[in-house]
Amino acid sequence: MRLSSMADYAVVVMSAAARHCGTCALIEQVGQQRASVSAARLAEETGLPVPTVQKLVSKLTAAGLLRSSRGVGGGLRLARPPAAITLADIVEAVEGPIALAACVDEAKNDCTLEQSCNLRGHWPRVNAALRGALAQVPLTQLAEECR
């Protein structure tokens, strides 16, 4: 299984946004504003095209992971502390619910094996395990420099 390019890019953008946020918890404790960043700056830092970053920012904002404000001092901020945002949250913001097999989606009936498949009842458990694993990876960890 591989993440789509957009899900991968969303993780890259959120990691860059988290690095801009700095120590958000410490900043908030002393009552200062969180650091903000523009979509153009995120695009520049990540090497992604500005329209791609803008599209991702829209999805991530709609999912409640980023906040956007206009005007002086405006820009993008994490909607929650980075430790409270997980890899599962980011992937689901772009891809929707995490599922390895489409047959668990009641809206889709395009499986040619549906009538004879003995595994359909097992997929929800597998999907939950995958989501659980991704939910164990916080944004703080993703934003750290790899050594």
Protein backbone atom coordinates (compact mmCIF):
# COMPACT_ATOMS: atom_id res chain seq x y z
CA MET A 1 0.00 0.00 0.00
CA ARG A 2 1.20 3.49 -0.82
CA LEU A 3 -0.13 6.89 0.06
CA SER A 4 -1.38 8.96 -2.84
CA SER A 5 0.84 11.85 -3.86
CA MET A 6 -1.66 14.31 -2.38
CA ALA A 7 -1.70 12.51 0.98
CA ASP A 8 2.10 12.44 0.97
CA TYR A 9 2.22 16.15 0.13
CA ALA A 10 -0.29 16.89 2.90
CA VAL A 11 2.04 15.26 5.42
CA VAL A 12 4.93 17.34 4.06
CA VAL A 13 2.89 20.57 4.27
CA MET A 14 1.64 19.84 7.80
CA SER A 15 5.17 19.00 8.94
CA ALA A 16 6.44 22.30 7.56
CA ALA A 17 3.55 24.16 9.22
CA ALA A 18 4.37 22.46 12.53
CA ARG A 19 8.01 23.55 12.27
CA HIS A 20 6.81 27.14 11.76
CA CYS A 21 4.59 26.85 14.78
CA GLY A 22 7.69 26.14 16.84
CA THR A 23 6.94 25.22 20.41
CA CYS A 24 3.25 26.06 20.17
CA ALA A 25 2.46 24.79 23.64
CA LEU A 26 5.13 27.00 25.20
CA ILE A 27 4.06 30.02 23.15
CA GLU A 28 0.43 29.56 24.18
CA GLN A 29 1.37 29.15 27.85
CA VAL A 30 2.95 32.59 27.91
CA GLY A 31 -0.06 34.06 26.09
CA GLN A 32 1.60 34.97 22.82
CA GLN A 33 0.18 34.46 19.35
CA ARG A 34 1.07 31.28 17.55
CA ALA A 35 3.42 31.70 14.63
CA SER A 36 1.70 31.71 11.26
CA VAL A 37 2.87 30.97 7.76
CA SER A 38 1.52 31.62 4.27
CA ALA A 39 0.69 28.98 1.70
CA ALA A 40 3.26 30.58 -0.60
CA ARG A 41 5.95 30.19 2.07
CA LEU A 42 4.99 26.54 2.63
CA ALA A 43 5.21 25.97 -1.13
CA GLU A 44 8.62 27.60 -1.27
CA GLU A 45 9.96 25.56 1.65
CA THR A 46 8.56 22.23 0.51
CA GLY A 47 9.21 22.62 -3.22
CA LEU A 48 5.55 21.97 -4.01
CA PRO A 49 3.65 24.13 -6.52
CA VAL A 50 1.61 26.93 -4.91
CA PRO A 51 -1.71 25.67 -6.40
CA THR A 52 -1.09 22.22 -4.90
CA VAL A 53 -0.37 23.70 -1.48
CA GLN A 54 -3.47 25.91 -1.73
CA LYS A 55 -5.63 22.89 -2.57
CA LEU A 56 -4.17 20.96 0.37
CA VAL A 57 -4.59 23.91 2.73
CA SER A 58 -8.26 24.02 1.76
CA LYS A 59 -8.72 20.32 2.59
CA LEU A 60 -6.69 20.51 5.78
CA THR A 61 -8.63 23.58 6.92
CA ALA A 62 -11.97 21.89 6.15
CA ALA A 63 -10.82 18.90 8.22
CA GLY A 64 -10.03 21.15 11.19
CA LEU A 65 -6.26 20.67 11.09
CA LEU A 66 -5.32 24.19 9.98
CA ARG A 67 -6.83 27.61 10.62
CA SER A 68 -6.61 30.42 8.15
CA SER A 69 -6.89 34.12 8.94
CA ARG A 70 -6.67 37.15 6.71
CA GLY A 71 -5.16 40.55 7.25
CA VAL A 72 -2.18 41.82 9.19
CA GLY A 73 -0.72 38.98 11.20
CA GLY A 74 -2.84 36.52 9.27
CA GLY A 75 -1.80 33.31 7.64
CA LEU A 76 -2.04 29.63 8.42
CA ARG A 77 -1.79 28.13 11.89
CA LEU A 78 -2.23 24.66 13.25
CA ALA A 79 -5.77 24.30 14.58
CA ARG A 80 -4.57 22.06 17.42
CA PRO A 81 -1.24 21.49 19.11
CA PRO A 82 1.01 19.36 16.89
CA ALA A 83 1.02 16.52 19.43
CA ALA A 84 -2.78 16.29 19.02
CA ILE A 85 -2.61 15.86 15.22
CA THR A 86 -1.74 12.41 13.89
CA LEU A 87 -0.69 10.90 10.61
CA ALA A 88 -4.14 9.26 10.46
CA ASP A 89 -5.81 12.70 10.76
CA ILE A 90 -3.75 14.10 7.90
CA VAL A 91 -4.27 11.13 5.58
CA GLU A 92 -8.02 11.08 6.24
CA ALA A 93 -8.26 14.82 5.57
CA VAL A 94 -7.08 14.20 2.02
CA GLU A 95 -8.14 10.62 1.27
CA GLY A 96 -11.21 10.09 3.41
CA PRO A 97 -11.58 7.09 5.73
CA ILE A 98 -8.60 4.75 5.79
CA ALA A 99 -9.49 1.46 4.11
CA LEU A 100 -7.40 -1.13 2.30
CA ALA A 101 -10.36 -2.69 0.51
CA ALA A 102 -13.19 -0.74 -1.11
CA CYS A 103 -15.75 -3.45 -0.40
CA VAL A 104 -16.33 -2.19 3.13
CA ASP A 105 -17.74 1.02 1.69
CA GLU A 106 -21.48 0.42 1.40
CA ALA A 107 -21.75 3.11 -1.28
CA LYS A 108 -19.54 1.11 -3.65
CA ASN A 109 -20.67 -2.19 -5.09
CA ASP A 110 -18.03 -2.67 -7.76
CA CYS A 111 -16.29 -5.80 -6.46
CA THR A 112 -16.52 -8.71 -8.88
CA LEU A 113 -15.87 -11.19 -6.05
CA GLU A 114 -18.57 -9.86 -3.73
CA GLN A 115 -20.85 -12.90 -4.03
CA SER A 116 -18.16 -15.42 -3.17
CA CYS A 117 -15.80 -13.44 -0.91
CA ASN A 118 -15.19 -14.84 2.56
CA LEU A 119 -12.97 -11.93 3.66
CA ARG A 120 -15.41 -9.04 3.59
CA GLY A 121 -16.20 -9.40 7.29
CA HIS A 122 -12.50 -9.21 8.20
CA TRP A 123 -11.68 -5.95 6.41
CA PRO A 124 -13.13 -3.60 9.05
CA ARG A 125 -10.76 -5.10 11.63
CA VAL A 126 -7.79 -4.77 9.27
CA ASN A 127 -8.74 -1.17 8.45
CA ALA A 128 -9.06 -0.33 12.14
CA ALA A 129 -5.61 -1.79 12.82
CA LEU A 130 -4.09 0.27 10.00
CA ARG A 131 -5.78 3.45 11.20
CA GLY A 132 -4.67 2.70 14.76
CA ALA A 133 -1.07 2.38 13.65
CA LEU A 134 -1.20 5.70 11.77
CA ALA A 135 -2.90 7.35 14.75
CA GLN A 136 0.14 6.47 16.88
CA VAL A 137 2.37 8.83 14.85
CA PRO A 138 1.95 12.44 16.06
CA LEU A 139 2.77 15.48 13.94
CA THR A 140 5.47 16.43 16.45
CA GLN A 141 7.36 13.30 15.44
CA LEU A 142 6.88 13.99 11.73
CA ALA A 143 8.14 17.55 12.09
CA GLU A 144 11.43 16.48 13.69
CA GLU A 145 14.55 16.50 11.58
CA CYS A 146 15.59 12.95 10.60
CA ARG A 147 19.11 12.04 11.57
